[in-house]
Amino acid sequence: MRTQALDPPIAVGRTAEVYAWQENLVLKLFYAWCSPDWVQQEIEVGRVIATMHLPTPKLIDTVIIEERHGIIYERVDGPSLLTLSGSKPWLVLHLARQLAELHTQIHKQDGSFFPPLNSALYSTIQQMEQLPSSLKIDLLRLVEKLPDGNALCHCDFHPDQVLITAKGPVIIDWPTARRGNPLADVARTSILLMIGQVPYANWAMRTFVDLWRGLFYRTYLSRYIELHPGISRDDITTWMIPIAAARLEEGIQGEQKPLLNFIQSHLPVQ
């Protein structure tokens, strides 16, 4: 275990901070409360993702600093798609379409290595104590009816997970990757774009997100459907119901009420 002084972080997230490391490298340093199993999962996932035809940072090494686990990655310089949308709002439509195109690229990959998304979704909802029993039963029945798949799904794909570099976009943060139906992954992104909060953003960024989220979401969804003419908005909305329920388990401040409203207003009558 190393003891090392670090400069201020260059990025801050819910589970980790990112620091400049050696030349052309960064350190993703997880908070002390994060399970070592999470870190190990990200390491294993990162090595598999690196073999695919996707623009992602290379995983270089691991380290422990003052009882905090860290992963050293290739440094990728550039603003996130979220940050770029805020600084250059005239690009919002282009960036929303780009997000859909990258999502399509993800879904072309074979997800066989990863755990099944449907099983994880079912298990999460089954264990949720805050849901009324009747609502939980209806949600579990819905999950059982939804078609499975074998595509790679990011399962946390949103504008802050894409960095725009001089060489093109780069997709980051893969520990939640699963195999499943691509529409489940689109549903997760849809919920994040419609309802998701950005707790680590400043007031200006949160205000901007609230202003553009509707337009960004509609443009993203239209482009994804354009690239996949066999699917419909209704197909995606159906997936969004259990995805919204699972999102409740994450306990994000400001999301509980709109998530419940969405579930209750869209859940089919049994």
Protein backbone atom coordinates (compact mmCIF):
# COMPACT_ATOMS: atom_id res chain seq x y z
CA MET A 1 0.00 0.00 0.00
CA ARG A 2 1.38 3.39 -1.02
CA THR A 3 1.27 6.66 0.86
CA GLN A 4 1.39 9.41 -1.70
CA ALA A 5 0.39 13.07 -1.83
CA LEU A 6 -2.04 13.76 -4.62
CA ASP A 7 -2.92 16.97 -6.39
CA PRO A 8 -6.57 18.04 -6.33
CA PRO A 9 -8.78 15.66 -8.36
CA ILE A 10 -9.48 16.50 -11.98
CA ALA A 11 -12.90 14.84 -11.80
CA VAL A 12 -15.27 13.73 -9.02
CA GLY A 13 -17.99 11.08 -9.21
CA ARG A 14 -20.32 9.15 -6.92
CA THR A 15 -17.91 6.31 -6.19
CA ALA A 16 -14.46 7.66 -7.05
CA GLU A 17 -12.20 10.62 -7.74
CA VAL A 18 -9.92 10.90 -10.76
CA TYR A 19 -6.36 12.26 -10.40
CA ALA A 20 -3.60 13.04 -12.83
CA TRP A 21 -0.99 10.30 -12.43
CA GLN A 22 2.18 9.86 -14.42
CA GLU A 23 2.56 11.12 -17.96
CA ASN A 24 -0.47 10.22 -20.08
CA LEU A 25 -2.09 8.33 -17.18
CA VAL A 26 -4.85 8.97 -14.66
CA LEU A 27 -5.74 7.33 -11.37
CA LYS A 28 -9.35 6.45 -10.63
CA LEU A 29 -9.29 6.29 -6.83
CA PHE A 30 -12.37 4.75 -5.24
CA TYR A 31 -13.69 6.08 -1.94
CA ALA A 32 -12.81 4.05 1.13
CA TRP A 33 -16.41 2.89 1.56
CA CYS A 34 -16.41 1.20 -1.87
CA SER A 35 -16.10 -2.57 -1.79
CA PRO A 36 -12.86 -4.07 -3.17
CA ASP A 37 -15.14 -6.43 -5.10
CA TRP A 38 -16.45 -3.44 -7.08
CA VAL A 39 -12.91 -2.51 -8.04
CA GLN A 40 -12.07 -6.09 -9.03
CA GLN A 41 -15.21 -6.25 -11.15
CA GLU A 42 -14.22 -3.06 -12.97
CA ILE A 43 -10.74 -4.49 -13.60
CA GLU A 44 -12.14 -7.69 -15.11
CA VAL A 45 -14.71 -5.80 -17.17
CA GLY A 46 -12.10 -3.31 -18.39
CA ARG A 47 -9.89 -6.07 -19.72
CA VAL A 48 -12.74 -7.60 -21.70
CA ILE A 49 -13.99 -4.27 -23.06
CA ALA A 50 -10.45 -3.50 -24.25
CA THR A 51 -10.70 -6.43 -26.69
CA MET A 52 -13.80 -5.00 -28.39
CA HIS A 53 -14.20 -2.53 -31.25
CA LEU A 54 -15.05 0.35 -28.94
CA PRO A 55 -13.30 3.63 -28.11
CA THR A 56 -12.36 3.15 -24.44
CA PRO A 57 -9.35 4.02 -22.24
CA LYS A 58 -6.80 1.24 -21.69
CA LEU A 59 -6.49 -0.21 -18.18
CA ILE A 60 -2.80 -0.03 -17.14
CA ASP A 61 -2.41 -1.10 -13.50
CA THR A 62 -3.93 -1.13 -10.01
CA VAL A 63 -2.80 0.53 -6.78
CA ILE A 64 -3.85 1.01 -3.14
CA ILE A 65 -3.33 4.43 -1.56
CA GLU A 66 -4.15 4.91 2.11
CA GLU A 67 -6.58 1.98 2.09
CA ARG A 68 -8.34 3.25 -1.04
CA HIS A 69 -8.31 1.03 -4.10
CA GLY A 70 -7.42 2.60 -7.41
CA ILE A 71 -7.13 1.76 -11.09
CA ILE A 72 -4.63 3.45 -13.39
CA TYR A 73 -5.94 4.17 -16.87
CA GLU A 74 -4.61 5.67 -20.05
CA ARG A 75 -5.26 9.41 -19.87
CA VAL A 76 -7.99 10.67 -22.18
CA ASP A 77 -8.17 14.45 -22.47
CA GLY A 78 -11.35 16.21 -23.42
CA PRO A 79 -14.62 17.48 -21.96
CA SER A 80 -17.46 15.12 -21.31
CA LEU A 81 -20.39 15.25 -23.65
CA LEU A 82 -22.36 16.72 -20.73
CA THR A 83 -19.82 19.49 -20.15
CA LEU A 84 -19.60 20.26 -23.86
CA SER A 85 -23.38 20.52 -24.08
CA GLY A 86 -23.29 23.11 -21.31
CA SER A 87 -20.45 25.19 -22.77
CA LYS A 88 -21.66 24.99 -26.40
CA PRO A 89 -25.44 24.61 -26.28
CA TRP A 90 -25.74 25.09 -30.05
CA LEU A 91 -24.23 21.58 -30.34
CA VAL A 92 -26.90 19.88 -28.22
CA LEU A 93 -28.76 18.26 -31.13
CA HIS A 94 -25.53 16.99 -32.71
CA LEU A 95 -24.29 15.61 -29.38
CA ALA A 96 -27.60 13.89 -28.64
CA ARG A 97 -27.46 12.14 -32.01
CA GLN A 98 -23.83 11.22 -31.34
CA LEU A 99 -24.84 9.60 -28.04
CA ALA A 100 -27.38 7.43 -29.90
CA GLU A 101 -24.79 6.44 -32.51
CA LEU A 102 -22.30 5.43 -29.83
CA HIS A 103 -25.00 3.45 -28.06
CA THR A 104 -25.66 1.60 -31.29
CA GLN A 105 -21.95 0.81 -31.55
CA ILE A 106 -22.00 -0.64 -28.02
CA HIS A 107 -25.01 -2.82 -28.81
CA LYS A 108 -23.26 -4.37 -31.82
CA GLN A 109 -20.77 -6.03 -29.44
CA ASP A 110 -21.19 -9.53 -28.03
CA GLY A 111 -22.04 -9.41 -24.35
CA SER A 112 -21.61 -13.13 -23.67
CA PHE A 113 -18.89 -12.60 -21.02
CA PHE A 114 -21.11 -10.45 -18.80
CA PRO A 115 -23.84 -11.36 -16.29
CA PRO A 116 -27.45 -11.31 -17.58
CA LEU A 117 -29.25 -7.99 -17.30
CA ASN A 118 -32.74 -9.44 -16.91
CA SER A 119 -31.71 -11.57 -13.93
CA ALA A 120 -30.03 -8.60 -12.24
CA LEU A 121 -33.11 -6.45 -12.84
CA TYR A 122 -35.44 -9.11 -11.44
CA SER A 123 -33.25 -9.65 -8.37
CA THR A 124 -32.99 -5.92 -7.64
CA ILE A 125 -36.76 -5.40 -7.76
CA GLN A 126 -37.43 -8.56 -5.75
CA GLN A 127 -35.24 -7.32 -2.88
CA MET A 128 -36.63 -3.77 -2.75
CA GLU A 129 -38.37 -3.24 0.57
CA GLN A 130 -39.73 0.23 -0.24
CA LEU A 131 -42.09 -1.05 -2.95
CA PRO A 132 -45.64 -2.10 -2.00
CA SER A 133 -46.10 -5.86 -2.43
CA SER A 134 -48.74 -5.55 -5.15
CA LEU A 135 -46.58 -3.15 -7.18
CA LYS A 136 -43.55 -5.39 -6.79
CA ILE A 137 -45.49 -8.41 -8.02
CA ASP A 138 -46.69 -6.52 -11.10
CA LEU A 139 -43.16 -5.34 -11.87
CA LEU A 140 -41.70 -8.83 -11.52
CA ARG A 141 -44.36 -10.25 -13.84
CA LEU A 142 -43.49 -7.59 -16.38
CA VAL A 143 -39.76 -8.41 -16.20
CA GLU A 144 -40.55 -12.09 -16.75
CA LYS A 145 -42.36 -11.21 -20.01
CA LEU A 146 -39.61 -9.00 -21.42
CA PRO A 147 -37.35 -10.56 -24.07
CA ASP A 148 -33.75 -11.31 -23.14
CA GLY A 149 -30.77 -10.73 -25.42
CA ASN A 150 -27.04 -11.22 -25.81
CA ALA A 151 -25.86 -7.73 -26.70
CA LEU A 152 -23.36 -5.74 -24.66
CA CYS A 153 -25.20 -3.21 -22.50
CA HIS A 154 -23.38 -0.41 -20.67
CA CYS A 155 -26.24 0.00 -18.14
CA ASP A 156 -25.17 3.51 -17.09
CA PHE A 157 -24.77 5.27 -20.43
CA HIS A 158 -25.33 9.02 -20.28
CA PRO A 159 -23.64 12.24 -21.48
CA ASP A 160 -21.09 12.29 -18.67
CA GLN A 161 -19.81 8.84 -19.69
CA VAL A 162 -18.51 10.05 -23.06
CA LEU A 163 -15.38 12.18 -23.37
CA ILE A 164 -14.91 14.19 -26.56
CA THR A 165 -11.21 14.10 -27.48
CA ALA A 166 -9.15 15.37 -30.40
CA LYS A 167 -9.27 11.81 -31.81
CA GLY A 168 -12.99 11.35 -31.30
CA PRO A 169 -15.40 10.25 -28.54
CA VAL A 170 -14.28 7.84 -25.81
CA ILE A 171 -16.69 5.82 -23.64
CA ILE A 172 -15.79 5.42 -19.97
CA ASP A 173 -17.01 3.65 -16.79
CA TRP A 174 -17.95 0.07 -17.63
CA PRO A 175 -18.37 -1.74 -14.26
CA THR A 176 -22.15 -2.03 -14.68
CA ALA A 177 -21.86 -3.77 -18.09
CA ARG A 178 -24.30 -6.65 -18.67
CA ARG A 179 -25.53 -8.82 -21.51
CA GLY A 180 -29.12 -8.40 -22.52
CA ASN A 181 -31.70 -6.78 -24.73
CA PRO A 182 -30.40 -3.45 -26.09
CA LEU A 183 -33.76 -1.83 -25.39
CA ALA A 184 -33.21 -2.34 -21.67
CA ASP A 185 -30.03 -0.30 -22.00
CA VAL A 186 -31.82 2.38 -24.04
CA ALA A 187 -34.49 2.44 -21.33
CA ARG A 188 -31.85 3.05 -18.65
CA THR A 189 -30.38 5.94 -20.66
CA SER A 190 -33.89 7.28 -21.24
CA ILE A 191 -34.66 7.31 -17.52
CA LEU A 192 -31.35 9.05 -16.80
CA LEU A 193 -31.98 11.69 -19.46
CA MET A 194 -35.59 12.28 -18.37
CA ILE A 195 -35.25 12.14 -14.59
CA GLY A 196 -31.64 11.58 -13.52
CA GLN A 197 -29.98 14.12 -11.27
CA VAL A 198 -26.32 15.19 -11.41
CA PRO A 199 -25.51 15.46 -7.68
CA TYR A 200 -21.85 16.42 -8.14
CA ALA A 201 -22.59 19.21 -10.66
CA ASN A 202 -22.68 22.89 -9.74
CA TRP A 203 -25.83 25.00 -9.78
CA ALA A 204 -25.22 26.30 -13.30
CA MET A 205 -24.81 22.81 -14.74
CA ARG A 206 -27.90 21.46 -12.96
CA THR A 207 -29.92 24.41 -14.29
CA PHE A 208 -28.67 23.80 -17.80
CA VAL A 209 -29.46 20.08 -17.60
CA ASP A 210 -33.03 20.85 -16.57
CA LEU A 211 -33.38 23.25 -19.51
CA TRP A 212 -32.09 20.97 -22.27
CA ARG A 213 -32.89 17.46 -21.00
CA GLY A 214 -36.21 17.18 -22.87
CA LEU A 215 -34.81 18.25 -26.22
CA PHE A 216 -31.68 16.16 -25.77
CA TYR A 217 -33.69 13.07 -24.86
CA ARG A 218 -36.12 13.38 -27.78
CA THR A 219 -33.25 13.85 -30.22
CA TYR A 220 -31.28 10.91 -28.78
CA LEU A 221 -34.30 8.60 -28.90
CA SER A 222 -35.32 9.64 -32.42
CA ARG A 223 -31.81 8.96 -33.73
CA TYR A 224 -31.61 5.56 -32.01
CA ILE A 225 -34.97 4.50 -33.48
CA GLU A 226 -33.89 5.81 -36.88
CA LEU A 227 -30.87 3.49 -36.68
CA HIS A 228 -33.09 0.57 -35.59
CA PRO A 229 -36.30 0.79 -37.64
CA GLY A 230 -37.69 -2.45 -36.21
CA ILE A 231 -38.28 -1.01 -32.75
CA SER A 232 -40.86 1.43 -31.42
CA ARG A 233 -41.11 4.00 -28.64
CA ASP A 234 -43.68 1.76 -26.94
CA ASP A 235 -41.11 -1.07 -26.78
CA ILE A 236 -38.67 1.24 -25.01
CA THR A 237 -41.32 2.68 -22.67
CA THR A 238 -42.24 -0.83 -21.52
CA TRP A 239 -38.62 -1.48 -20.56
CA MET A 240 -38.44 1.87 -18.79
CA ILE A 241 -40.99 0.76 -16.18
CA PRO A 242 -38.86 -1.88 -14.38
CA ILE A 243 -35.69 0.11 -15.10
CA ALA A 244 -37.22 3.08 -13.26
CA ALA A 245 -38.09 0.78 -10.35
CA ALA A 246 -34.52 -0.49 -10.11
CA ARG A 247 -33.25 3.09 -10.22
CA LEU A 248 -35.23 3.79 -7.04
CA GLU A 249 -32.89 1.43 -5.19
CA GLU A 250 -29.98 3.83 -5.84
CA GLY A 251 -31.60 6.42 -3.58
CA ILE A 252 -30.70 9.52 -5.60
CA GLN A 253 -32.08 12.66 -3.96
CA GLY A 254 -34.80 14.31 -6.03
CA GLU A 255 -35.55 11.23 -8.16
CA GLN A 256 -37.86 9.12 -6.01
CA LYS A 257 -41.12 10.96 -6.67
CA PRO A 258 -40.76 11.31 -10.48
CA LEU A 259 -39.63 7.69 -10.76
CA LEU A 260 -42.66 6.43 -8.82
CA ASN A 261 -44.96 8.68 -10.86
CA PHE A 262 -43.54 7.25 -14.06
CA ILE A 263 -43.94 3.65 -12.87
CA GLN A 264 -47.51 4.11 -11.67
CA SER A 265 -48.64 6.00 -14.77
CA HIS A 266 -47.14 3.53 -17.28
CA LEU A 267 -47.44 0.12 -15.62
CA PRO A 268 -50.01 -1.93 -17.57
CA VAL A 269 -53.16 -2.94 -15.69
CA GLN A 270 -52.81 -6.63 -14.75
